[in-house]
């Protein structure tokens, strides 16, 4: 059995799948939204 993911581990990948580009994800991270 593999370990559970850490909090936020897949956030970037999920946001990319939803259409967010790297710049938008960075803005969200800097504003502590994610």
N, C-alpha and C. Protein backbone atom coordinates (compact mmCIF):
# COMPACT_ATOMS: atom_id res chain seq x y z
N UNK A 1 0.84 -1.17 0.00
CA UNK A 1 0.00 0.00 0.00
C UNK A 1 0.89 1.24 0.00
N UNK A 2 0.57 2.19 -0.84
CA UNK A 2 1.38 3.41 -0.91
C UNK A 2 0.93 4.41 0.15
N UNK A 3 1.83 5.31 0.54
CA UNK A 3 1.48 6.29 1.56
C UNK A 3 0.45 7.30 1.03
N UNK A 4 -0.27 7.91 1.94
CA UNK A 4 -1.26 8.91 1.53
C UNK A 4 -0.53 10.16 1.05
N UNK A 5 -1.15 10.93 0.15
CA UNK A 5 -0.50 12.15 -0.33
C UNK A 5 -0.43 13.21 0.77
N UNK A 6 0.58 14.03 0.68
CA UNK A 6 0.71 15.16 1.62
C UNK A 6 -0.27 16.25 1.22
N UNK A 7 -0.62 17.08 2.16
CA UNK A 7 -1.55 18.18 1.89
C UNK A 7 -0.96 19.06 0.78
N UNK A 8 -1.73 19.28 -0.26
CA UNK A 8 -1.29 20.12 -1.37
C UNK A 8 -0.39 19.46 -2.38
N UNK A 9 -0.10 18.19 -2.20
CA UNK A 9 0.84 17.50 -3.08
C UNK A 9 0.40 17.52 -4.55
N UNK A 10 -0.87 17.43 -4.81
CA UNK A 10 -1.37 17.35 -6.19
C UNK A 10 -2.06 18.62 -6.66
N UNK A 11 -1.98 19.67 -5.88
CA UNK A 11 -2.70 20.90 -6.20
C UNK A 11 -2.33 21.45 -7.57
N UNK A 12 -1.04 21.55 -7.84
CA UNK A 12 -0.60 22.08 -9.13
C UNK A 12 -1.11 21.27 -10.30
N UNK A 13 -1.05 19.96 -10.18
CA UNK A 13 -1.50 19.08 -11.26
C UNK A 13 -3.01 19.23 -11.48
N UNK A 14 -3.76 19.28 -10.39
CA UNK A 14 -5.22 19.42 -10.50
C UNK A 14 -5.59 20.76 -11.12
N UNK A 15 -4.94 21.83 -10.68
CA UNK A 15 -5.24 23.14 -11.25
C UNK A 15 -4.88 23.18 -12.74
N UNK A 16 -3.80 22.53 -13.13
CA UNK A 16 -3.42 22.46 -14.55
C UNK A 16 -4.49 21.72 -15.34
N UNK A 17 -5.02 20.63 -14.79
CA UNK A 17 -6.08 19.89 -15.46
C UNK A 17 -7.34 20.73 -15.61
N UNK A 18 -7.54 21.67 -14.69
CA UNK A 18 -8.70 22.56 -14.75
C UNK A 18 -8.47 23.76 -15.67
N UNK A 19 -7.27 23.86 -16.24
CA UNK A 19 -6.99 24.91 -17.21
C UNK A 19 -6.16 26.07 -16.71
N UNK A 20 -5.71 26.02 -15.46
CA UNK A 20 -4.87 27.09 -14.93
C UNK A 20 -3.45 26.93 -15.47
N UNK A 21 -2.85 28.04 -15.90
CA UNK A 21 -1.46 27.96 -16.35
C UNK A 21 -0.53 28.19 -15.16
N UNK A 22 0.76 28.02 -15.38
CA UNK A 22 1.74 28.13 -14.29
C UNK A 22 1.69 29.49 -13.61
N UNK A 23 1.50 30.55 -14.39
CA UNK A 23 1.46 31.89 -13.81
C UNK A 23 0.26 32.06 -12.88
N UNK A 24 -0.88 31.54 -13.28
CA UNK A 24 -2.08 31.64 -12.45
C UNK A 24 -1.92 30.84 -11.16
N UNK A 25 -1.31 29.67 -11.26
CA UNK A 25 -1.08 28.84 -10.07
C UNK A 25 -0.13 29.57 -9.12
N UNK A 26 0.88 30.21 -9.66
CA UNK A 26 1.83 30.96 -8.83
C UNK A 26 1.13 32.10 -8.10
N UNK A 27 0.23 32.80 -8.77
CA UNK A 27 -0.53 33.88 -8.13
C UNK A 27 -1.34 33.32 -6.98
N UNK A 28 -1.99 32.19 -7.19
CA UNK A 28 -2.79 31.56 -6.13
C UNK A 28 -1.90 31.15 -4.96
N UNK A 29 -0.73 30.62 -5.25
CA UNK A 29 0.17 30.21 -4.18
C UNK A 29 0.69 31.41 -3.39
N UNK A 30 1.08 32.47 -4.09
CA UNK A 30 1.60 33.67 -3.41
C UNK A 30 0.55 34.34 -2.55
N UNK A 31 -0.71 34.24 -2.95
CA UNK A 31 -1.78 34.86 -2.16
C UNK A 31 -2.31 33.92 -1.09
N UNK A 32 -1.67 32.75 -0.97
CA UNK A 32 -2.04 31.74 0.03
C UNK A 32 -3.45 31.20 -0.18
N UNK A 33 -3.93 31.26 -1.42
CA UNK A 33 -5.24 30.70 -1.73
C UNK A 33 -5.17 29.18 -1.86
N UNK A 34 -4.01 28.69 -2.21
CA UNK A 34 -3.80 27.24 -2.30
C UNK A 34 -2.49 26.89 -1.62
